[in-house]
Amino acid sequence: MILYHGSYMEIKKPDITFSRDNVDFGKGFYVTPIYEQAKKWAARFKRKKGASIVTTYELEDSILDSNIYIKKLNLICSFVLRIRKL
């Protein structure tokens, strides 16, 4: 499985202790299987921090069966994006 993370810097080893509390679904490390979405997230950082990058992660599908807490968001993401535009 390929996942992407948009930011102002490359994140080689995700660490949620650096995560903000005031994000849509709480503290965490947000990734998406959609490259264009990560690119949009990164663009938001470019305006604030002057730089943007999309980091790519390749994970084994078996990680979904591990003890790592993963919140999968499917339909709700498009809903949240529409509300933000209002």
PDB file of N, CA and C in Angstrom:
ATOM      1  N   MET A   1       0.847  -1.157   0.000  1.00  0.00           N
ATOM      2  CA  MET A   1       0.000   0.000   0.000  1.00  0.00           C
ATOM      3  C   MET A   1       0.906   1.238   0.000  1.00  0.00           C
ATOM      4  N   ILE A   2       0.571   2.190  -0.861  1.00  0.00           N
ATOM      5  CA  ILE A   2       1.320   3.445  -0.940  1.00  0.00           C
ATOM      6  C   ILE A   2       0.475   4.539  -0.297  1.00  0.00           C
ATOM      7  N   LEU A   3       1.076   5.291   0.616  1.00  0.00           N
ATOM      8  CA  LEU A   3       0.407   6.397   1.288  1.00  0.00           C
ATOM      9  C   LEU A   3       1.273   7.641   1.192  1.00  0.00           C
ATOM     10  N   TYR A   4       0.634   8.805   1.245  1.00  0.00           N
ATOM     11  CA  TYR A   4       1.333  10.086   1.090  1.00  0.00           C
ATOM     12  C   TYR A   4       1.003  11.001   2.260  1.00  0.00           C
ATOM     13  N   HIS A   5       1.986  11.859   2.589  1.00  0.00           N
ATOM     14  CA  HIS A   5       1.820  12.849   3.656  1.00  0.00           C
ATOM     15  C   HIS A   5       2.339  14.189   3.143  1.00  0.00           C
ATOM     16  N   GLY A   6       1.496  15.207   3.202  1.00  0.00           N
ATOM     17  CA  GLY A   6       1.899  16.543   2.764  1.00  0.00           C
ATOM     18  C   GLY A   6       2.322  17.395   3.939  1.00  0.00           C
ATOM     19  N   SER A   7       3.474  18.067   3.810  1.00  0.00           N
ATOM     20  CA  SER A   7       4.002  18.879   4.903  1.00  0.00           C
ATOM     21  C   SER A   7       4.958  19.926   4.341  1.00  0.00           C
ATOM     22  N   TYR A   8       5.653  20.632   5.230  1.00  0.00           N
ATOM     23  CA  TYR A   8       6.676  21.589   4.803  1.00  0.00           C
ATOM     24  C   TYR A   8       8.075  20.972   4.880  1.00  0.00           C
ATOM     25  N   MET A   9       8.150  19.730   5.371  1.00  0.00           N
ATOM     26  CA  MET A   9       9.426  19.034   5.457  1.00  0.00           C
ATOM     27  C   MET A   9       9.206  17.535   5.315  1.00  0.00           C
ATOM     28  N   GLU A  10      10.234  16.825   4.920  1.00  0.00           N
ATOM     29  CA  GLU A  10      10.140  15.370   4.809  1.00  0.00           C
ATOM     30  C   GLU A  10      10.050  14.759   6.202  1.00  0.00           C
ATOM     31  N   ILE A  11       9.140  13.830   6.372  1.00  0.00           N
ATOM     32  CA  ILE A  11       8.975  13.125   7.648  1.00  0.00           C
ATOM     33  C   ILE A  11       9.423  11.684   7.420  1.00  0.00           C
ATOM     34  N   LYS A  12      10.648  11.373   7.837  1.00  0.00           N
ATOM     35  CA  LYS A  12      11.169  10.020   7.624  1.00  0.00           C
ATOM     36  C   LYS A  12      10.570   9.018   8.602  1.00  0.00           C
ATOM     37  N   LYS A  13      10.373   9.455   9.842  1.00  0.00           N
ATOM     38  CA  LYS A  13       9.820   8.562  10.865  1.00  0.00           C
ATOM     39  C   LYS A  13       8.692   9.312  11.578  1.00  0.00           C
ATOM     40  N   PRO A  14       7.442   9.019  11.224  1.00  0.00           N
ATOM     41  CA  PRO A  14       6.313   9.721  11.845  1.00  0.00           C
ATOM     42  C   PRO A  14       6.317   9.604  13.369  1.00  0.00           C
ATOM     43  N   ASP A  15       6.004  10.720  14.022  1.00  0.00           N
ATOM     44  CA  ASP A  15       5.956  10.778  15.476  1.00  0.00           C
ATOM     45  C   ASP A  15       4.798  11.698  15.857  1.00  0.00           C
ATOM     46  N   ILE A  16       3.727  11.132  16.420  1.00  0.00           N
ATOM     47  CA  ILE A  16       2.541  11.946  16.695  1.00  0.00           C
ATOM     48  C   ILE A  16       2.725  12.920  17.848  1.00  0.00           C
ATOM     49  N   THR A  17       3.834  12.869  18.558  1.00  0.00           N
ATOM     50  CA  THR A  17       4.044  13.860  19.622  1.00  0.00           C
ATOM     51  C   THR A  17       4.191  15.260  19.034  1.00  0.00           C
ATOM     52  N   PHE A  18       4.493  15.352  17.728  1.00  0.00           N
ATOM     53  CA  PHE A  18       4.603  16.654  17.070  1.00  0.00           C
ATOM     54  C   PHE A  18       3.281  17.079  16.432  1.00  0.00           C
ATOM     55  N   SER A  19       2.263  16.250  16.562  1.00  0.00           N
ATOM     56  CA  SER A  19       0.961  16.530  15.963  1.00  0.00           C
ATOM     57  C   SER A  19       0.229  17.634  16.718  1.00  0.00           C
ATOM     58  N   ARG A  20      -0.572  18.391  15.977  1.00  0.00           N
ATOM     59  CA  ARG A  20      -1.380  19.441  16.592  1.00  0.00           C
ATOM     60  C   ARG A  20      -2.657  18.831  17.173  1.00  0.00           C
ATOM     61  N   ASP A  21      -3.180  19.460  18.212  1.00  0.00           N
ATOM     62  CA  ASP A  21      -4.420  18.995  18.844  1.00  0.00           C
ATOM     63  C   ASP A  21      -5.662  19.458  18.094  1.00  0.00           C
ATOM     64  N   ASN A  22      -5.571  20.589  17.427  1.00  0.00           N
ATOM     65  CA  ASN A  22      -6.757  21.225  16.853  1.00  0.00           C
ATOM     66  C   ASN A  22      -6.968  20.881  15.377  1.00  0.00           C
ATOM     67  N   VAL A  23      -6.866  19.624  15.029  1.00  0.00           N
ATOM     68  CA  VAL A  23      -7.130  19.186  13.663  1.00  0.00           C
ATOM     69  C   VAL A  23      -8.439  18.399  13.637  1.00  0.00           C
ATOM     70  N   ASP A  24      -8.978  18.191  12.438  1.00  0.00           N
ATOM     71  CA  ASP A  24     -10.324  17.625  12.286  1.00  0.00           C
ATOM     72  C   ASP A  24     -10.594  16.370  13.100  1.00  0.00           C
ATOM     73  N   PHE A  25      -9.681  15.424  13.100  1.00  0.00           N
ATOM     74  CA  PHE A  25      -9.950  14.135  13.738  1.00  0.00           C
ATOM     75  C   PHE A  25      -9.014  13.873  14.914  1.00  0.00           C
ATOM     76  N   GLY A  26      -8.476  14.921  15.497  1.00  0.00           N
ATOM     77  CA  GLY A  26      -7.627  14.788  16.669  1.00  0.00           C
ATOM     78  C   GLY A  26      -6.166  14.553  16.328  1.00  0.00           C
ATOM     79  N   LYS A  27      -5.396  14.419  17.361  1.00  0.00           N
ATOM     80  CA  LYS A  27      -3.959  14.219  17.246  1.00  0.00           C
ATOM     81  C   LYS A  27      -3.658  12.942  16.467  1.00  0.00           C
ATOM     82  N   GLY A  28      -2.694  13.010  15.573  1.00  0.00           N
ATOM     83  CA  GLY A  28      -2.336  11.834  14.798  1.00  0.00           C
ATOM     84  C   GLY A  28      -1.452  12.198  13.627  1.00  0.00           C
ATOM     85  N   PHE A  29      -1.081  11.209  12.862  1.00  0.00           N
ATOM     86  CA  PHE A  29      -0.272  11.408  11.661  1.00  0.00           C
ATOM     87  C   PHE A  29      -1.164  11.093  10.477  1.00  0.00           C
ATOM     88  N   TYR A  30      -1.498  12.108   9.719  1.00  0.00           N
ATOM     89  CA  TYR A  30      -2.478  11.993   8.650  1.00  0.00           C
ATOM     90  C   TYR A  30      -1.812  11.632   7.325  1.00  0.00           C
ATOM     91  N   VAL A  31      -2.300  10.588   6.692  1.00  0.00           N
ATOM     92  CA  VAL A  31      -1.813  10.169   5.373  1.00  0.00           C
ATOM     93  C   VAL A  31      -3.021   9.883   4.482  1.00  0.00           C
ATOM     94  N   THR A  32      -2.762   9.820   3.189  1.00  0.00           N
ATOM     95  CA  THR A  32      -3.805   9.543   2.224  1.00  0.00           C
ATOM     96  C   THR A  32      -3.249   8.671   1.100  1.00  0.00           C
ATOM     97  N   PRO A  33      -4.077   7.826   0.512  1.00  0.00           N
ATOM     98  CA  PRO A  33      -3.626   7.071  -0.664  1.00  0.00           C
ATOM     99  C   PRO A  33      -3.712   7.912  -1.945  1.00  0.00           C
ATOM    100  N   ILE A  34      -4.187   9.146  -1.827  1.00  0.00           N
ATOM    101  CA  ILE A  34      -4.390  10.023  -2.981  1.00  0.00           C
ATOM    102  C   ILE A  34      -3.281  11.075  -3.025  1.00  0.00           C
ATOM    103  N   TYR A  35      -2.385  10.950  -3.999  1.00  0.00           N
ATOM    104  CA  TYR A  35      -1.243  11.867  -4.104  1.00  0.00           C
ATOM    105  C   TYR A  35      -1.694  13.320  -4.208  1.00  0.00           C
ATOM    106  N   GLU A  36      -2.697  13.591  -5.032  1.00  0.00           N
ATOM    107  CA  GLU A  36      -3.159  14.964  -5.234  1.00  0.00           C
ATOM    108  C   GLU A  36      -3.669  15.592  -3.934  1.00  0.00           C
ATOM    109  N   GLN A  37      -4.285  14.800  -3.073  1.00  0.00           N
ATOM    110  CA  GLN A  37      -4.755  15.316  -1.790  1.00  0.00           C
ATOM    111  C   GLN A  37      -3.567  15.708  -0.917  1.00  0.00           C
ATOM    112  N   ALA A  38      -2.554  14.867  -0.867  1.00  0.00           N
ATOM    113  CA  ALA A  38      -1.357  15.195  -0.084  1.00  0.00           C
ATOM    114  C   ALA A  38      -0.680  16.446  -0.639  1.00  0.00           C
ATOM    115  N   LYS A  39      -0.695  16.597  -1.941  1.00  0.00           N
ATOM    116  CA  LYS A  39      -0.112  17.785  -2.586  1.00  0.00           C
ATOM    117  C   LYS A  39      -0.861  19.046  -2.149  1.00  0.00           C
ATOM    118  N   LYS A  40      -2.194  18.953  -2.040  1.00  0.00           N
ATOM    119  CA  LYS A  40      -2.987  20.093  -1.558  1.00  0.00           C
ATOM    120  C   LYS A  40      -2.652  20.417  -0.109  1.00  0.00           C
ATOM    121  N   TRP A  41      -2.504  19.379   0.721  1.00  0.00           N
ATOM    122  CA  TRP A  41      -2.120  19.620   2.114  1.00  0.00           C
ATOM    123  C   TRP A  41      -0.766  20.315   2.177  1.00  0.00           C
ATOM    124  N   ALA A  42       0.167  19.832   1.375  1.00  0.00           N
ATOM    125  CA  ALA A  42       1.516  20.419   1.358  1.00  0.00           C
ATOM    126  C   ALA A  42       1.473  21.876   0.911  1.00  0.00           C
ATOM    127  N   ALA A  43       0.617  22.194  -0.042  1.00  0.00           N
ATOM    128  CA  ALA A  43       0.513  23.566  -0.540  1.00  0.00           C
ATOM    129  C   ALA A  43       0.082  24.520   0.568  1.00  0.00           C
ATOM    130  N   ARG A  44      -0.737  24.057   1.480  1.00  0.00           N
ATOM    131  CA  ARG A  44      -1.141  24.903   2.604  1.00  0.00           C
ATOM    132  C   ARG A  44       0.080  25.277   3.454  1.00  0.00           C
ATOM    133  N   PHE A  45       1.008  24.347   3.616  1.00  0.00           N
ATOM    134  CA  PHE A  45       2.225  24.634   4.378  1.00  0.00           C
ATOM    135  C   PHE A  45       3.137  25.590   3.612  1.00  0.00           C
ATOM    136  N   LYS A  46       3.152  25.489   2.299  1.00  0.00           N
ATOM    137  CA  LYS A  46       4.013  26.366   1.506  1.00  0.00           C
ATOM    138  C   LYS A  46       3.645  27.825   1.747  1.00  0.00           C
ATOM    139  N   ARG A  47       2.346  28.101   1.839  1.00  0.00           N
ATOM    140  CA  ARG A  47       1.910  29.473   2.097  1.00  0.00           C
ATOM    141  C   ARG A  47       2.362  29.943   3.478  1.00  0.00           C
ATOM    142  N   LYS A  48       2.364  29.041   4.471  1.00  0.00           N
ATOM    143  CA  LYS A  48       2.711  29.418   5.845  1.00  0.00           C
ATOM    144  C   LYS A  48       4.214  29.340   6.123  1.00  0.00           C
ATOM    145  N   LYS A  49       4.846  28.260   5.645  1.00  0.00           N
ATOM    146  CA  LYS A  49       6.239  27.986   6.003  1.00  0.00           C
ATOM    147  C   LYS A  49       7.223  28.247   4.868  1.00  0.00           C
ATOM    148  N   GLY A  50       6.723  28.477   3.639  1.00  0.00           N
ATOM    149  CA  GLY A  50       7.598  28.755   2.514  1.00  0.00           C
ATOM    150  C   GLY A  50       8.128  27.521   1.802  1.00  0.00           C
ATOM    151  N   ALA A  51       7.734  26.345   2.239  1.00  0.00           N
ATOM    152  CA  ALA A  51       8.196  25.107   1.600  1.00  0.00           C
ATOM    153  C   ALA A  51       7.083  24.071   1.656  1.00  0.00           C
ATOM    154  N   SER A  52       7.145  23.118   0.738  1.00  0.00           N
ATOM    155  CA  SER A  52       6.187  22.024   0.780  1.00  0.00           C
ATOM    156  C   SER A  52       6.812  20.776   0.182  1.00  0.00           C
ATOM    157  N   ILE A  53       6.378  19.634   0.690  1.00  0.00           N
ATOM    158  CA  ILE A  53       6.887  18.355   0.198  1.00  0.00           C
ATOM    159  C   ILE A  53       5.829  17.284   0.451  1.00  0.00           C
ATOM    160  N   VAL A  54       5.763  16.331  -0.448  1.00  0.00           N
ATOM    161  CA  VAL A  54       4.911  15.162  -0.259  1.00  0.00           C
ATOM    162  C   VAL A  54       5.841  13.979  -0.019  1.00  0.00           C
ATOM    163  N   THR A  55       5.719  13.368   1.149  1.00  0.00           N
ATOM    164  CA  THR A  55       6.515  12.199   1.486  1.00  0.00           C
ATOM    165  C   THR A  55       5.707  10.950   1.154  1.00  0.00           C
ATOM    166  N   THR A  56       6.359   9.969   0.557  1.00  0.00           N
ATOM    167  CA  THR A  56       5.712   8.720   0.162  1.00  0.00           C
ATOM    168  C   THR A  56       6.125   7.606   1.115  1.00  0.00           C
ATOM    169  N   TYR A  57       5.149   6.823   1.536  1.00  0.00           N
ATOM    170  CA  TYR A  57       5.393   5.681   2.409  1.00  0.00           C
ATOM    171  C   TYR A  57       4.858   4.431   1.726  1.00  0.00           C
ATOM    172  N   GLU A  58       5.621   3.375   1.765  1.00  0.00           N
ATOM    173  CA  GLU A  58       5.161   2.090   1.251  1.00  0.00           C
ATOM    174  C   GLU A  58       5.025   1.151   2.439  1.00  0.00           C
ATOM    175  N   LEU A  59       3.814   0.699   2.678  1.00  0.00           N
ATOM    176  CA  LEU A  59       3.533  -0.157   3.821  1.00  0.00           C
ATOM    177  C   LEU A  59       2.959  -1.481   3.366  1.00  0.00           C
ATOM    178  N   GLU A  60       3.251  -2.504   4.115  1.00  0.00           N
ATOM    179  CA  GLU A  60       2.646  -3.811   3.855  1.00  0.00           C
ATOM    180  C   GLU A  60       1.167  -3.736   4.225  1.00  0.00           C
ATOM    181  N   ASP A  61       0.315  -4.367   3.443  1.00  0.00           N
ATOM    182  CA  ASP A  61      -1.115  -4.377   3.752  1.00  0.00           C
ATOM    183  C   ASP A  61      -1.392  -4.999   5.120  1.00  0.00           C
ATOM    184  N   SER A  62      -0.516  -5.863   5.574  1.00  0.00           N
ATOM    185  CA  SER A  62      -0.709  -6.539   6.864  1.00  0.00           C
ATOM    186  C   SER A  62      -0.677  -5.557   8.038  1.00  0.00           C
ATOM    187  N   ILE A  63      -0.198  -4.333   7.827  1.00  0.00           N
ATOM    188  CA  ILE A  63      -0.175  -3.357   8.924  1.00  0.00           C
ATOM    189  C   ILE A  63      -1.584  -3.062   9.421  1.00  0.00           C
ATOM    190  N   LEU A  64      -2.568  -3.234   8.541  1.00  0.00           N
ATOM    191  CA  LEU A  64      -3.952  -3.012   8.948  1.00  0.00           C
ATOM    192  C   LEU A  64      -4.412  -4.026   9.986  1.00  0.00           C
ATOM    193  N   ASP A  65      -3.726  -5.154  10.067  1.00  0.00           N
ATOM    194  CA  ASP A  65      -4.056  -6.197  11.041  1.00  0.00           C
ATOM    195  C   ASP A  65      -3.197  -6.104  12.306  1.00  0.00           C
ATOM    196  N   SER A  66      -2.331  -5.108  12.377  1.00  0.00           N
ATOM    197  CA  SER A  66      -1.408  -4.985  13.515  1.00  0.00           C
ATOM    198  C   SER A  66      -2.099  -4.269  14.676  1.00  0.00           C
ATOM    199  N   ASN A  67      -1.344  -4.043  15.745  1.00  0.00           N
ATOM    200  CA  ASN A  67      -1.895  -3.378  16.922  1.00  0.00           C
ATOM    201  C   ASN A  67      -1.759  -1.856  16.845  1.00  0.00           C
ATOM    202  N   ILE A  68      -1.379  -1.322  15.706  1.00  0.00           N
ATOM    203  CA  ILE A  68      -1.296   0.122  15.514  1.00  0.00           C
ATOM    204  C   ILE A  68      -2.711   0.665  15.355  1.00  0.00           C
ATOM    205  N   TYR A  69      -3.000   1.773  16.038  1.00  0.00           N
ATOM    206  CA  TYR A  69      -4.332   2.364  15.931  1.00  0.00           C
ATOM    207  C   TYR A  69      -4.414   3.137  14.617  1.00  0.00           C
ATOM    208  N   ILE A  70      -5.303   2.686  13.746  1.00  0.00           N
ATOM    209  CA  ILE A  70      -5.489   3.312  12.440  1.00  0.00           C
ATOM    210  C   ILE A  70      -6.959   3.683  12.307  1.00  0.00           C
ATOM    211  N   LYS A  71      -7.199   4.955  12.038  1.00  0.00           N
ATOM    212  CA  LYS A  71      -8.564   5.411  11.800  1.00  0.00           C
ATOM    213  C   LYS A  71      -8.718   5.602  10.302  1.00  0.00           C
ATOM    214  N   LYS A  72      -9.534   4.752   9.683  1.00  0.00           N
ATOM    215  CA  LYS A  72      -9.760   4.847   8.250  1.00  0.00           C
ATOM    216  C   LYS A  72     -10.960   5.749   7.999  1.00  0.00           C
ATOM    217  N   LEU A  73     -10.741   6.759   7.185  1.00  0.00           N
ATOM    218  CA  LEU A  73     -11.802   7.715   6.872  1.00  0.00           C
ATOM    219  C   LEU A  73     -12.061   7.665   5.373  1.00  0.00           C
ATOM    220  N   ASN A  74     -13.236   7.269   5.005  1.00  0.00           N
ATOM    221  CA  ASN A  74     -13.555   7.171   3.585  1.00  0.00           C
ATOM    222  C   ASN A  74     -14.503   8.281   3.172  1.00  0.00           C
ATOM    223  N   LEU A  75     -15.772   8.087   3.324  1.00  0.00           N
ATOM    224  CA  LEU A  75     -16.760   9.068   2.878  1.00  0.00           C
ATOM    225  C   LEU A  75     -16.721  10.360   3.679  1.00  0.00           C
ATOM    226  N   ILE A  76     -16.363  10.275   4.929  1.00  0.00           N
ATOM    227  CA  ILE A  76     -16.404  11.456   5.779  1.00  0.00           C
ATOM    228  C   ILE A  76     -15.422  12.537   5.313  1.00  0.00           C
ATOM    229  N   CYS A  77     -14.323  12.159   4.689  1.00  0.00           N
ATOM    230  CA  CYS A  77     -13.330  13.147   4.256  1.00  0.00           C
ATOM    231  C   CYS A  77     -13.903  14.119   3.240  1.00  0.00           C
ATOM    232  N   SER A  78     -14.623  13.634   2.256  1.00  0.00           N
ATOM    233  CA  SER A  78     -15.189  14.543   1.262  1.00  0.00           C
ATOM    234  C   SER A  78     -16.224  15.459   1.916  1.00  0.00           C
ATOM    235  N   PHE A  79     -16.946  14.939   2.917  1.00  0.00           N
ATOM    236  CA  PHE A  79     -17.907  15.759   3.656  1.00  0.00           C
ATOM    237  C   PHE A  79     -17.200  16.896   4.377  1.00  0.00           C
ATOM    238  N   VAL A  80     -16.124  16.592   5.077  1.00  0.00           N
ATOM    239  CA  VAL A  80     -15.368  17.607   5.814  1.00  0.00           C
ATOM    240  C   VAL A  80     -14.808  18.652   4.848  1.00  0.00           C
ATOM    241  N   LEU A  81     -14.287  18.223   3.718  1.00  0.00           N
ATOM    242  CA  LEU A  81     -13.742  19.168   2.746  1.00  0.00           C
ATOM    243  C   LEU A  81     -14.834  20.102   2.213  1.00  0.00           C
ATOM    244  N   ARG A  82     -16.017  19.588   1.981  1.00  0.00           N
ATOM    245  CA  ARG A  82     -17.126  20.433   1.502  1.00  0.00           C
ATOM    246  C   ARG A  82     -17.517  21.451   2.580  1.00  0.00           C
ATOM    247  N   ILE A  83     -17.568  21.040   3.822  1.00  0.00           N
ATOM    248  CA  ILE A  83     -17.948  21.961   4.907  1.00  0.00           C
ATOM    249  C   ILE A  83     -16.906  23.067   5.042  1.00  0.00           C
ATOM    250  N   ARG A  84     -15.644  22.740   4.913  1.00  0.00           N
ATOM    251  CA  ARG A  84     -14.578  23.742   5.035  1.00  0.00           C
ATOM    252  C   ARG A  84     -14.709  24.840   3.979  1.00  0.00           C
ATOM    253  N   LYS A  85     -15.239  24.489   2.820  1.00  0.00           N
ATOM    254  CA  LYS A  85     -15.376  25.454   1.727  1.00  0.00           C
ATOM    255  C   LYS A  85     -16.522  26.432   1.967  1.00  0.00           C
ATOM    256  N   LEU A  86     -17.452  26.116   2.891  1.00  0.00           N
ATOM    257  CA  LEU A  86     -18.600  26.993   3.145  1.00  0.00           C
ATOM    258  C   LEU A  86     -18.206  28.276   3.819  1.00  0.00           C
TER     259      LEU A  86
END
